[in-house]
Protein backbone atom coordinates (compact mmCIF):
# COMPACT_ATOMS: atom_id res chain seq x y z
CA MET A 1 96.37 -51.43 162.48
CA GLN A 2 99.62 -51.43 160.54
CA GLU A 3 101.49 -54.73 160.51
CA GLU A 4 104.60 -54.74 162.66
CA TYR A 5 107.57 -56.97 162.00
CA VAL A 6 110.06 -58.41 164.47
CA VAL A 7 113.63 -59.44 163.78
CA LEU A 8 114.11 -63.19 164.07
CA VAL A 9 117.51 -64.08 165.53
CA ASN A 10 119.61 -67.06 166.52
CA GLU A 11 120.98 -67.48 170.05
CA ASP A 12 123.98 -65.30 169.10
CA ASP A 13 121.61 -62.43 168.20
CA ARG A 14 122.37 -62.75 164.50
CA GLU A 15 119.44 -61.83 162.28
CA ILE A 16 117.99 -64.82 160.44
CA GLY A 17 114.85 -63.17 159.08
CA GLN A 18 111.81 -61.06 159.81
CA LEU A 19 108.24 -62.03 160.58
CA GLU A 20 104.98 -60.28 161.37
CA LYS A 21 104.88 -59.75 165.15
CA MET A 22 101.71 -61.71 165.98
CA GLU A 23 102.82 -64.65 163.82
CA ALA A 24 106.20 -64.75 165.60
CA HIS A 25 104.36 -64.89 168.93
CA ARG A 26 101.92 -67.56 167.72
CA LEU A 27 104.80 -69.72 166.52
CA GLY A 28 107.05 -68.96 169.50
CA LEU A 29 110.05 -68.11 167.31
CA LEU A 30 113.12 -66.48 168.85
CA HIS A 31 113.21 -62.75 168.09
CA ARG A 32 114.95 -59.59 169.28
CA ALA A 33 113.32 -57.55 172.03
CA PHE A 34 114.28 -55.00 174.66
CA SER A 35 113.24 -54.09 178.20
CA VAL A 36 113.81 -50.66 179.70
CA ILE A 37 114.44 -50.65 183.45
CA LEU A 38 114.14 -47.03 184.53
CA PHE A 39 115.50 -45.73 187.86
CA ASN A 40 115.09 -42.37 189.57
CA ASN A 41 117.62 -40.70 191.86
CA LYS A 42 116.07 -42.46 194.88
CA GLY A 43 116.97 -45.84 193.36
CA GLU A 44 113.30 -46.63 192.68
CA LEU A 45 112.12 -48.41 189.54
CA LEU A 46 109.34 -47.09 187.33
CA LEU A 47 106.70 -49.74 186.64
CA GLN A 48 103.80 -49.60 184.25
CA GLN A 49 100.53 -51.47 184.39
CA ARG A 50 99.66 -52.63 180.90
CA ALA A 51 96.43 -51.21 179.46
CA ALA A 52 93.27 -53.30 179.86
CA HIS A 53 92.83 -53.80 176.11
CA LYS A 54 96.39 -55.04 175.33
CA TYR A 55 96.41 -58.20 173.23
CA HIS A 56 98.23 -60.14 175.95
CA SER A 57 99.00 -59.69 179.65
CA PRO A 58 96.41 -56.90 180.19
CA LEU A 59 96.52 -55.05 183.50
CA LEU A 60 99.70 -56.79 184.61
CA TRP A 61 102.58 -54.80 186.08
CA THR A 62 105.90 -54.74 184.28
CA ASN A 63 109.04 -52.70 183.68
CA ALA A 64 108.89 -49.10 182.44
CA CYS A 65 108.69 -50.15 178.80
CA CYS A 66 109.43 -53.09 176.54
CA SER A 67 108.96 -53.90 172.89
CA HIS A 68 110.79 -55.00 169.75
CA PRO A 69 113.23 -53.05 167.61
CA ARG A 70 111.98 -52.60 164.08
CA PRO A 71 114.05 -54.07 161.26
CA GLU A 72 117.17 -51.91 160.81
CA GLU A 73 116.55 -50.08 164.14
CA SER A 74 119.10 -50.26 166.95
CA VAL A 75 118.07 -51.45 170.40
CA LEU A 76 118.83 -48.08 172.02
CA ASN A 77 116.93 -46.13 169.36
CA ALA A 78 113.96 -48.47 169.75
CA ALA A 79 114.09 -48.12 173.54
CA GLU A 80 114.13 -44.32 173.29
CA ARG A 81 111.25 -44.37 170.78
CA ARG A 82 109.02 -46.69 172.83
CA LEU A 83 109.71 -44.95 176.15
CA GLN A 84 108.50 -41.73 174.52
CA GLU A 85 105.48 -43.46 172.88
CA GLU A 86 104.36 -45.37 175.99
CA MET A 87 105.44 -43.20 178.91
CA GLY A 88 105.82 -39.76 177.30
CA MET A 89 109.33 -39.31 178.60
CA SER A 90 112.96 -39.43 177.64
CA ALA A 91 115.82 -40.68 179.78
CA LYS A 92 119.56 -41.21 179.82
CA MET A 93 120.02 -44.83 178.66
CA GLN A 94 122.77 -47.40 178.70
CA TYR A 95 122.85 -50.96 177.46
CA ALA A 96 123.15 -53.40 180.39
CA PHE A 97 122.96 -57.06 179.25
CA HIS A 98 120.79 -59.54 177.39
CA PHE A 99 119.19 -62.89 178.14
CA ILE A 100 116.98 -65.40 176.36
CA TYR A 101 113.67 -66.57 177.73
CA LYS A 102 110.59 -68.45 176.60
CA ALA A 103 107.21 -68.04 178.28
CA LYS A 104 103.68 -69.14 177.42
CA LEU A 105 101.24 -66.24 177.51
CA ASP A 106 97.49 -65.92 177.27
CA GLN A 107 95.70 -65.94 173.90
CA GLY A 108 97.81 -68.93 172.71
CA LEU A 109 100.91 -66.77 172.35
CA THR A 110 104.51 -67.51 173.32
CA GLU A 111 107.21 -64.98 174.08
CA HIS A 112 110.56 -66.38 172.92
CA GLU A 113 112.89 -63.46 173.03
CA LEU A 114 116.49 -62.47 173.10
CA ASP A 115 115.80 -59.56 175.43
CA HIS A 116 118.27 -56.66 175.52
CA VAL A 117 117.99 -54.94 178.89
CA VAL A 118 118.56 -51.20 178.91
CA PHE A 119 119.02 -49.24 182.13
CA ALA A 120 117.55 -45.75 182.02
CA TYR A 121 117.68 -42.86 184.47
CA ALA A 122 115.17 -40.03 184.93
CA ASP A 123 113.44 -38.20 187.75
CA GLU A 124 110.33 -36.95 186.01
CA ASP A 125 106.97 -38.66 186.29
CA PRO A 126 105.68 -40.12 183.04
CA LYS A 127 102.87 -38.74 180.93
CA ILE A 128 101.36 -42.10 180.07
CA ASN A 129 99.80 -43.04 176.76
CA THR A 130 96.51 -44.61 177.86
CA ASP A 131 96.41 -46.72 174.69
CA GLU A 132 99.43 -48.55 176.11
CA VAL A 133 99.48 -47.98 179.87
CA GLU A 134 96.77 -48.15 182.54
CA ALA A 135 98.82 -46.78 185.45
CA TYR A 136 102.36 -46.34 186.73
CA LYS A 137 104.20 -46.38 190.04
CA TRP A 138 107.66 -45.90 191.47
CA ILE A 139 108.84 -48.70 193.78
CA SER A 140 112.03 -49.70 195.55
CA LEU A 141 113.64 -52.94 194.42
CA SER A 142 113.19 -54.49 197.88
CA ASP A 143 109.46 -53.60 197.92
CA LEU A 144 109.10 -54.89 194.38
CA LEU A 145 110.71 -58.23 195.22
CA GLN A 146 108.43 -58.59 198.26
CA ASP A 147 105.35 -57.73 196.19
CA LEU A 148 106.44 -60.18 193.51
CA GLU A 149 106.70 -62.91 196.13
CA ASN A 150 103.24 -62.08 197.54
CA TYR A 151 101.44 -61.42 194.23
CA PRO A 152 103.30 -63.15 191.37
CA HIS A 153 100.11 -63.27 189.27
CA ALA A 154 100.10 -59.44 189.14
CA TYR A 155 103.30 -59.27 187.02
CA THR A 156 104.17 -60.12 183.43
CA ALA A 157 106.01 -63.37 182.72
CA TRP A 158 109.05 -61.69 181.21
CA PHE A 159 109.43 -59.22 184.07
CA LYS A 160 109.39 -62.02 186.65
CA ILE A 161 112.06 -63.91 184.68
CA LEU A 162 114.17 -60.77 184.22
CA LEU A 163 114.02 -59.98 187.94
CA ASN A 164 114.69 -63.52 189.12
CA GLN A 165 117.67 -64.05 186.82
CA ASN A 166 119.27 -60.61 187.21
CA VAL A 167 118.55 -59.28 190.70
CA GLU A 168 122.24 -58.56 191.40
CA ALA A 169 122.63 -56.39 188.28
CA LEU A 170 119.42 -54.52 189.13
CA THR A 171 120.52 -54.00 192.73
CA LYS A 172 123.82 -52.54 191.55
CA ALA A 173 122.08 -50.24 189.02
CA ALA A 174 119.59 -49.04 191.63
CA TYR A 175 122.43 -48.27 194.05
CA GLU A 176 124.37 -46.39 191.36
CA SER A 177 121.36 -44.24 190.46
CA VAL A 178 121.23 -42.71 193.95
């Protein structure tokens, strides 16, 4: 596997260096990331279940796609690239907001990310890359929030934080996609 590097940042999202991805997660250093929240014209969100062999959070449900921009790659370009790589689809995208979070994961890893949230809009079903994704589903925000309350262990740490901290922005985006 080719080494991947993440962009280390300060709390103002200014680059302060680069580090191999796994090392950044072992050390829990703040780095740039993105999360794509994809809506269809019914206002439903596309979720993916992470593949069983992923190095952390296997088989947990999460947003349509998330990852890290490569050095010198813009957030929107990275989001478009990874949505195609993971879900086999393209979508109209717009930058929404960012937030910082820190979460302990399995395998002794820590996510400490300045996460740029991108809203995307598409009506096609994905053609999943089974190296990345086990399954997918479309779900309304209200059903998702109920499921999250009933089965919090079934969702990734970052997705739970994103939802809990930004439910109003997601509600507005879902409404606008209809």
